[in-house]
Amino acid sequence: MAVEGAKSPLRRLKEYYDEAEPACPACGHVDERTGWSGETDGRQVHYYHECPSCGAVREHEIDVRRA
């Protein structure tokens, strides 16, 4: 049974990227609206963010099998 207000590890990691990497390294734009997106296939977790200002894409990939 989930505890109300509890967040999954994947959600917490997304929030970490939102907070730790808010500025685009290519143009310096700080995206306060969209944040990072994530998806998983059960073996890997892929987080990515496309800068709405310049289109640069940042990515983080985590291999869950080795984590």
PDB file of N, CA and C in Angstrom:
ATOM      1  N   MET A   1       0.847  -1.176   0.000  1.00  0.00           N
ATOM      2  CA  MET A   1       0.000   0.000   0.000  1.00  0.00           C
ATOM      3  C   MET A   1       0.889   1.235   0.000  1.00  0.00           C
ATOM      4  N   ALA A   2       0.634   2.158  -0.915  1.00  0.00           N
ATOM      5  CA  ALA A   2       1.439   3.373  -1.032  1.00  0.00           C
ATOM      6  C   ALA A   2       1.061   4.370   0.053  1.00  0.00           C
ATOM      7  N   VAL A   3       2.043   5.062   0.524  1.00  0.00           N
ATOM      8  CA  VAL A   3       1.821   6.094   1.521  1.00  0.00           C
ATOM      9  C   VAL A   3       1.458   7.375   0.779  1.00  0.00           C
ATOM     10  N   GLU A   4       0.411   8.040   1.234  1.00  0.00           N
ATOM     11  CA  GLU A   4      -0.004   9.268   0.572  1.00  0.00           C
ATOM     12  C   GLU A   4       1.136  10.281   0.606  1.00  0.00           C
ATOM     13  N   GLY A   5       1.438  10.865  -0.520  1.00  0.00           N
ATOM     14  CA  GLY A   5       2.515  11.845  -0.602  1.00  0.00           C
ATOM     15  C   GLY A   5       3.874  11.230  -0.885  1.00  0.00           C
ATOM     16  N   ALA A   6       3.986   9.902  -0.839  1.00  0.00           N
ATOM     17  CA  ALA A   6       5.264   9.243  -1.121  1.00  0.00           C
ATOM     18  C   ALA A   6       5.537   9.313  -2.619  1.00  0.00           C
ATOM     19  N   LYS A   7       6.822   9.486  -2.955  1.00  0.00           N
ATOM     20  CA  LYS A   7       7.206   9.571  -4.362  1.00  0.00           C
ATOM     21  C   LYS A   7       8.091   8.400  -4.722  1.00  0.00           C
ATOM     22  N   SER A   8       7.934   7.930  -5.945  1.00  0.00           N
ATOM     23  CA  SER A   8       8.756   6.828  -6.424  1.00  0.00           C
ATOM     24  C   SER A   8      10.190   7.315  -6.618  1.00  0.00           C
ATOM     25  N   PRO A   9      11.155   6.397  -6.601  1.00  0.00           N
ATOM     26  CA  PRO A   9      12.544   6.789  -6.867  1.00  0.00           C
ATOM     27  C   PRO A   9      12.707   7.449  -8.230  1.00  0.00           C
ATOM     28  N   LEU A  10      11.945   7.000  -9.226  1.00  0.00           N
ATOM     29  CA  LEU A  10      12.037   7.601 -10.556  1.00  0.00           C
ATOM     30  C   LEU A  10      11.520   9.036 -10.548  1.00  0.00           C
ATOM     31  N   ARG A  11      10.464   9.283  -9.831  1.00  0.00           N
ATOM     32  CA  ARG A  11       9.908  10.643  -9.707  1.00  0.00           C
ATOM     33  C   ARG A  11      10.889  11.543  -8.961  1.00  0.00           C
ATOM     34  N   ARG A  12      11.497  11.030  -7.905  1.00  0.00           N
ATOM     35  CA  ARG A  12      12.474  11.828  -7.146  1.00  0.00           C
ATOM     36  C   ARG A  12      13.683  12.175  -7.998  1.00  0.00           C
ATOM     37  N   LEU A  13      14.130  11.244  -8.849  1.00  0.00           N
ATOM     38  CA  LEU A  13      15.274  11.517  -9.714  1.00  0.00           C
ATOM     39  C   LEU A  13      14.912  12.570 -10.765  1.00  0.00           C
ATOM     40  N   LYS A  14      13.717  12.508 -11.321  1.00  0.00           N
ATOM     41  CA  LYS A  14      13.261  13.533 -12.261  1.00  0.00           C
ATOM     42  C   LYS A  14      13.270  14.897 -11.585  1.00  0.00           C
ATOM     43  N   GLU A  15      12.772  14.968 -10.370  1.00  0.00           N
ATOM     44  CA  GLU A  15      12.746  16.228  -9.635  1.00  0.00           C
ATOM     45  C   GLU A  15      14.171  16.715  -9.332  1.00  0.00           C
ATOM     46  N   TYR A  16      15.084  15.787  -9.094  1.00  0.00           N
ATOM     47  CA  TYR A  16      16.482  16.153  -8.887  1.00  0.00           C
ATOM     48  C   TYR A  16      17.038  16.833 -10.142  1.00  0.00           C
ATOM     49  N   TYR A  17      16.839  16.234 -11.314  1.00  0.00           N
ATOM     50  CA  TYR A  17      17.318  16.833 -12.563  1.00  0.00           C
ATOM     51  C   TYR A  17      16.657  18.195 -12.792  1.00  0.00           C
ATOM     52  N   ASP A  18      15.362  18.317 -12.507  1.00  0.00           N
ATOM     53  CA  ASP A  18      14.672  19.597 -12.657  1.00  0.00           C
ATOM     54  C   ASP A  18      15.356  20.685 -11.823  1.00  0.00           C
ATOM     55  N   GLU A  19      15.758  20.326 -10.617  1.00  0.00           N
ATOM     56  CA  GLU A  19      16.364  21.294  -9.694  1.00  0.00           C
ATOM     57  C   GLU A  19      17.862  21.496  -9.940  1.00  0.00           C
ATOM     58  N   ALA A  20      18.587  20.425 -10.204  1.00  0.00           N
ATOM     59  CA  ALA A  20      20.048  20.500 -10.314  1.00  0.00           C
ATOM     60  C   ALA A  20      20.528  21.009 -11.671  1.00  0.00           C
ATOM     61  N   GLU A  21      19.720  20.825 -12.716  1.00  0.00           N
ATOM     62  CA  GLU A  21      20.144  21.199 -14.069  1.00  0.00           C
ATOM     63  C   GLU A  21      19.057  22.029 -14.770  1.00  0.00           C
ATOM     64  N   PRO A  22      18.709  23.188 -14.201  1.00  0.00           N
ATOM     65  CA  PRO A  22      17.639  23.977 -14.809  1.00  0.00           C
ATOM     66  C   PRO A  22      18.069  24.779 -16.036  1.00  0.00           C
ATOM     67  N   ALA A  23      19.357  25.127 -16.135  1.00  0.00           N
ATOM     68  CA  ALA A  23      19.816  25.985 -17.232  1.00  0.00           C
ATOM     69  C   ALA A  23      20.413  25.163 -18.369  1.00  0.00           C
ATOM     70  N   CYS A  24      20.085  25.551 -19.578  1.00  0.00           N
ATOM     71  CA  CYS A  24      20.630  24.900 -20.772  1.00  0.00           C
ATOM     72  C   CYS A  24      22.111  25.251 -20.893  1.00  0.00           C
ATOM     73  N   PRO A  25      22.994  24.251 -21.005  1.00  0.00           N
ATOM     74  CA  PRO A  25      24.412  24.556 -21.140  1.00  0.00           C
ATOM     75  C   PRO A  25      24.754  25.193 -22.495  1.00  0.00           C
ATOM     76  N   ALA A  26      23.891  25.045 -23.490  1.00  0.00           N
ATOM     77  CA  ALA A  26      24.165  25.603 -24.818  1.00  0.00           C
ATOM     78  C   ALA A  26      23.852  27.097 -24.895  1.00  0.00           C
ATOM     79  N   CYS A  27      22.716  27.509 -24.306  1.00  0.00           N
ATOM     80  CA  CYS A  27      22.313  28.913 -24.450  1.00  0.00           C
ATOM     81  C   CYS A  27      22.059  29.634 -23.124  1.00  0.00           C
ATOM     82  N   GLY A  28      22.007  28.887 -22.016  1.00  0.00           N
ATOM     83  CA  GLY A  28      21.795  29.504 -20.709  1.00  0.00           C
ATOM     84  C   GLY A  28      20.338  29.696 -20.318  1.00  0.00           C
ATOM     85  N   HIS A  29      19.418  29.351 -21.204  1.00  0.00           N
ATOM     86  CA  HIS A  29      17.983  29.505 -20.906  1.00  0.00           C
ATOM     87  C   HIS A  29      17.597  28.630 -19.721  1.00  0.00           C
ATOM     88  N   VAL A  30      16.827  29.192 -18.792  1.00  0.00           N
ATOM     89  CA  VAL A  30      16.314  28.431 -17.653  1.00  0.00           C
ATOM     90  C   VAL A  30      14.849  28.114 -17.926  1.00  0.00           C
ATOM     91  N   ASP A  31      14.566  26.826 -18.098  1.00  0.00           N
ATOM     92  CA  ASP A  31      13.214  26.368 -18.414  1.00  0.00           C
ATOM     93  C   ASP A  31      12.478  26.059 -17.122  1.00  0.00           C
ATOM     94  N   GLU A  32      11.598  26.954 -16.719  1.00  0.00           N
ATOM     95  CA  GLU A  32      10.856  26.777 -15.467  1.00  0.00           C
ATOM     96  C   GLU A  32       9.499  26.122 -15.680  1.00  0.00           C
ATOM     97  N   ARG A  33       9.151  25.800 -16.930  1.00  0.00           N
ATOM     98  CA  ARG A  33       7.814  25.272 -17.195  1.00  0.00           C
ATOM     99  C   ARG A  33       7.771  23.792 -17.542  1.00  0.00           C
ATOM    100  N   THR A  34       8.692  23.299 -18.371  1.00  0.00           N
ATOM    101  CA  THR A  34       8.532  21.922 -18.841  1.00  0.00           C
ATOM    102  C   THR A  34       9.340  20.906 -18.058  1.00  0.00           C
ATOM    103  N   GLY A  35      10.557  21.211 -17.686  1.00  0.00           N
ATOM    104  CA  GLY A  35      11.375  20.273 -16.913  1.00  0.00           C
ATOM    105  C   GLY A  35      11.796  19.050 -17.716  1.00  0.00           C
ATOM    106  N   TRP A  36      12.357  18.095 -17.019  1.00  0.00           N
ATOM    107  CA  TRP A  36      12.871  16.865 -17.617  1.00  0.00           C
ATOM    108  C   TRP A  36      11.746  15.860 -17.806  1.00  0.00           C
ATOM    109  N   SER A  37      11.895  15.002 -18.813  1.00  0.00           N
ATOM    110  CA  SER A  37      10.955  13.906 -19.072  1.00  0.00           C
ATOM    111  C   SER A  37      11.700  12.595 -18.895  1.00  0.00           C
ATOM    112  N   GLY A  38      10.978  11.551 -18.580  1.00  0.00           N
ATOM    113  CA  GLY A  38      11.619  10.259 -18.389  1.00  0.00           C
ATOM    114  C   GLY A  38      10.775   9.128 -18.927  1.00  0.00           C
ATOM    115  N   GLU A  39      11.457   8.064 -19.312  1.00  0.00           N
ATOM    116  CA  GLU A  39      10.771   6.853 -19.764  1.00  0.00           C
ATOM    117  C   GLU A  39      11.655   5.665 -19.420  1.00  0.00           C
ATOM    118  N   THR A  40      11.031   4.518 -19.298  1.00  0.00           N
ATOM    119  CA  THR A  40      11.781   3.308 -18.969  1.00  0.00           C
ATOM    120  C   THR A  40      11.230   2.126 -19.742  1.00  0.00           C
ATOM    121  N   ASP A  41      12.118   1.168 -19.987  1.00  0.00           N
ATOM    122  CA  ASP A  41      11.697  -0.087 -20.601  1.00  0.00           C
ATOM    123  C   ASP A  41      11.825  -1.231 -19.592  1.00  0.00           C
ATOM    124  N   GLY A  42      12.057  -0.881 -18.334  1.00  0.00           N
ATOM    125  CA  GLY A  42      12.221  -1.879 -17.282  1.00  0.00           C
ATOM    126  C   GLY A  42      13.674  -2.241 -17.022  1.00  0.00           C
ATOM    127  N   ARG A  43      14.537  -1.976 -17.989  1.00  0.00           N
ATOM    128  CA  ARG A  43      15.966  -2.255 -17.833  1.00  0.00           C
ATOM    129  C   ARG A  43      16.794  -0.975 -17.784  1.00  0.00           C
ATOM    130  N   GLN A  44      16.325   0.044 -18.506  1.00  0.00           N
ATOM    131  CA  GLN A  44      17.014   1.327 -18.516  1.00  0.00           C
ATOM    132  C   GLN A  44      16.009   2.441 -18.292  1.00  0.00           C
ATOM    133  N   VAL A  45      16.476   3.499 -17.652  1.00  0.00           N
ATOM    134  CA  VAL A  45      15.677   4.694 -17.470  1.00  0.00           C
ATOM    135  C   VAL A  45      16.375   5.794 -18.261  1.00  0.00           C
ATOM    136  N   HIS A  46      15.610   6.475 -19.088  1.00  0.00           N
ATOM    137  CA  HIS A  46      16.147   7.525 -19.948  1.00  0.00           C
ATOM    138  C   HIS A  46      15.449   8.828 -19.575  1.00  0.00           C
ATOM    139  N   TYR A  47      16.245   9.816 -19.101  1.00  0.00           N
ATOM    140  CA  TYR A  47      15.728  11.151 -18.823  1.00  0.00           C
ATOM    141  C   TYR A  47      16.263  12.085 -19.894  1.00  0.00           C
ATOM    142  N   TYR A  48      15.446  13.005 -20.338  1.00  0.00           N
ATOM    143  CA  TYR A  48      15.882  13.936 -21.367  1.00  0.00           C
ATOM    144  C   TYR A  48      15.144  15.260 -21.217  1.00  0.00           C
ATOM    145  N   HIS A  49      15.775  16.296 -21.752  1.00  0.00           N
ATOM    146  CA  HIS A  49      15.172  17.620 -21.738  1.00  0.00           C
ATOM    147  C   HIS A  49      15.575  18.343 -23.007  1.00  0.00           C
ATOM    148  N   GLU A  50      14.603  18.871 -23.726  1.00  0.00           N
ATOM    149  CA  GLU A  50      14.873  19.682 -24.911  1.00  0.00           C
ATOM    150  C   GLU A  50      14.642  21.144 -24.559  1.00  0.00           C
ATOM    151  N   CYS A  51      15.662  21.962 -24.765  1.00  0.00           N
ATOM    152  CA  CYS A  51      15.572  23.380 -24.460  1.00  0.00           C
ATOM    153  C   CYS A  51      14.542  24.037 -25.381  1.00  0.00           C
ATOM    154  N   PRO A  52      13.549  24.729 -24.809  1.00  0.00           N
ATOM    155  CA  PRO A  52      12.549  25.384 -25.653  1.00  0.00           C
ATOM    156  C   PRO A  52      13.105  26.613 -26.376  1.00  0.00           C
ATOM    157  N   SER A  53      14.258  27.088 -25.960  1.00  0.00           N
ATOM    158  CA  SER A  53      14.847  28.266 -26.581  1.00  0.00           C
ATOM    159  C   SER A  53      15.718  27.923 -27.794  1.00  0.00           C
ATOM    160  N   CYS A  54      16.636  26.943 -27.633  1.00  0.00           N
ATOM    161  CA  CYS A  54      17.576  26.643 -28.724  1.00  0.00           C
ATOM    162  C   CYS A  54      17.446  25.226 -29.287  1.00  0.00           C
ATOM    163  N   GLY A  55      16.665  24.360 -28.632  1.00  0.00           N
ATOM    164  CA  GLY A  55      16.453  23.002 -29.130  1.00  0.00           C
ATOM    165  C   GLY A  55      17.514  21.990 -28.718  1.00  0.00           C
ATOM    166  N   ALA A  56      18.521  22.411 -27.945  1.00  0.00           N
ATOM    167  CA  ALA A  56      19.555  21.473 -27.483  1.00  0.00           C
ATOM    168  C   ALA A  56      18.924  20.413 -26.583  1.00  0.00           C
ATOM    169  N   VAL A  57      19.384  19.175 -26.729  1.00  0.00           N
ATOM    170  CA  VAL A  57      18.838  18.074 -25.943  1.00  0.00           C
ATOM    171  C   VAL A  57      19.898  17.583 -24.962  1.00  0.00           C
ATOM    172  N   ARG A  58      19.503  17.458 -23.707  1.00  0.00           N
ATOM    173  CA  ARG A  58      20.363  16.875 -22.674  1.00  0.00           C
ATOM    174  C   ARG A  58      19.747  15.551 -22.266  1.00  0.00           C
ATOM    175  N   GLU A  59      20.610  14.566 -21.976  1.00  0.00           N
ATOM    176  CA  GLU A  59      20.115  13.224 -21.646  1.00  0.00           C
ATOM    177  C   GLU A  59      20.913  12.609 -20.504  1.00  0.00           C
ATOM    178  N   HIS A  60      20.227  11.761 -19.755  1.00  0.00           N
ATOM    179  CA  HIS A  60      20.843  10.903 -18.748  1.00  0.00           C
ATOM    180  C   HIS A  60      20.223   9.523 -18.923  1.00  0.00           C
ATOM    181  N   GLU A  61      21.034   8.496 -18.937  1.00  0.00           N
ATOM    182  CA  GLU A  61      20.536   7.126 -19.070  1.00  0.00           C
ATOM    183  C   GLU A  61      21.076   6.306 -17.907  1.00  0.00           C
ATOM    184  N   ILE A  62      20.203   5.563 -17.270  1.00  0.00           N
ATOM    185  CA  ILE A  62      20.566   4.749 -16.115  1.00  0.00           C
ATOM    186  C   ILE A  62      20.216   3.304 -16.402  1.00  0.00           C
ATOM    187  N   ASP A  63      21.195   2.442 -16.248  1.00  0.00           N
ATOM    188  CA  ASP A  63      20.979   1.003 -16.425  1.00  0.00           C
ATOM    189  C   ASP A  63      20.533   0.450 -15.076  1.00  0.00           C
ATOM    190  N   VAL A  64      19.258   0.114 -14.966  1.00  0.00           N
ATOM    191  CA  VAL A  64      18.681  -0.326 -13.701  1.00  0.00           C
ATOM    192  C   VAL A  64      19.253  -1.667 -13.260  1.00  0.00           C
ATOM    193  N   ARG A  65      19.668  -2.484 -14.198  1.00  0.00           N
ATOM    194  CA  ARG A  65      20.198  -3.797 -13.857  1.00  0.00           C
ATOM    195  C   ARG A  65      21.496  -3.694 -13.074  1.00  0.00           C
ATOM    196  N   ARG A  66      22.229  -2.595 -13.257  1.00  0.00           N
ATOM    197  CA  ARG A  66      23.505  -2.435 -12.556  1.00  0.00           C
ATOM    198  C   ARG A  66      23.393  -1.485 -11.382  1.00  0.00           C
ATOM    199  N   ALA A  67      22.276  -0.829 -11.216  1.00  0.00           N
ATOM    200  CA  ALA A  67      22.106   0.179 -10.154  1.00  0.00           C
ATOM    201  C   ALA A  67      21.949  -0.489  -8.804  1.00  0.00           C
TER     202      ALA A  67
END
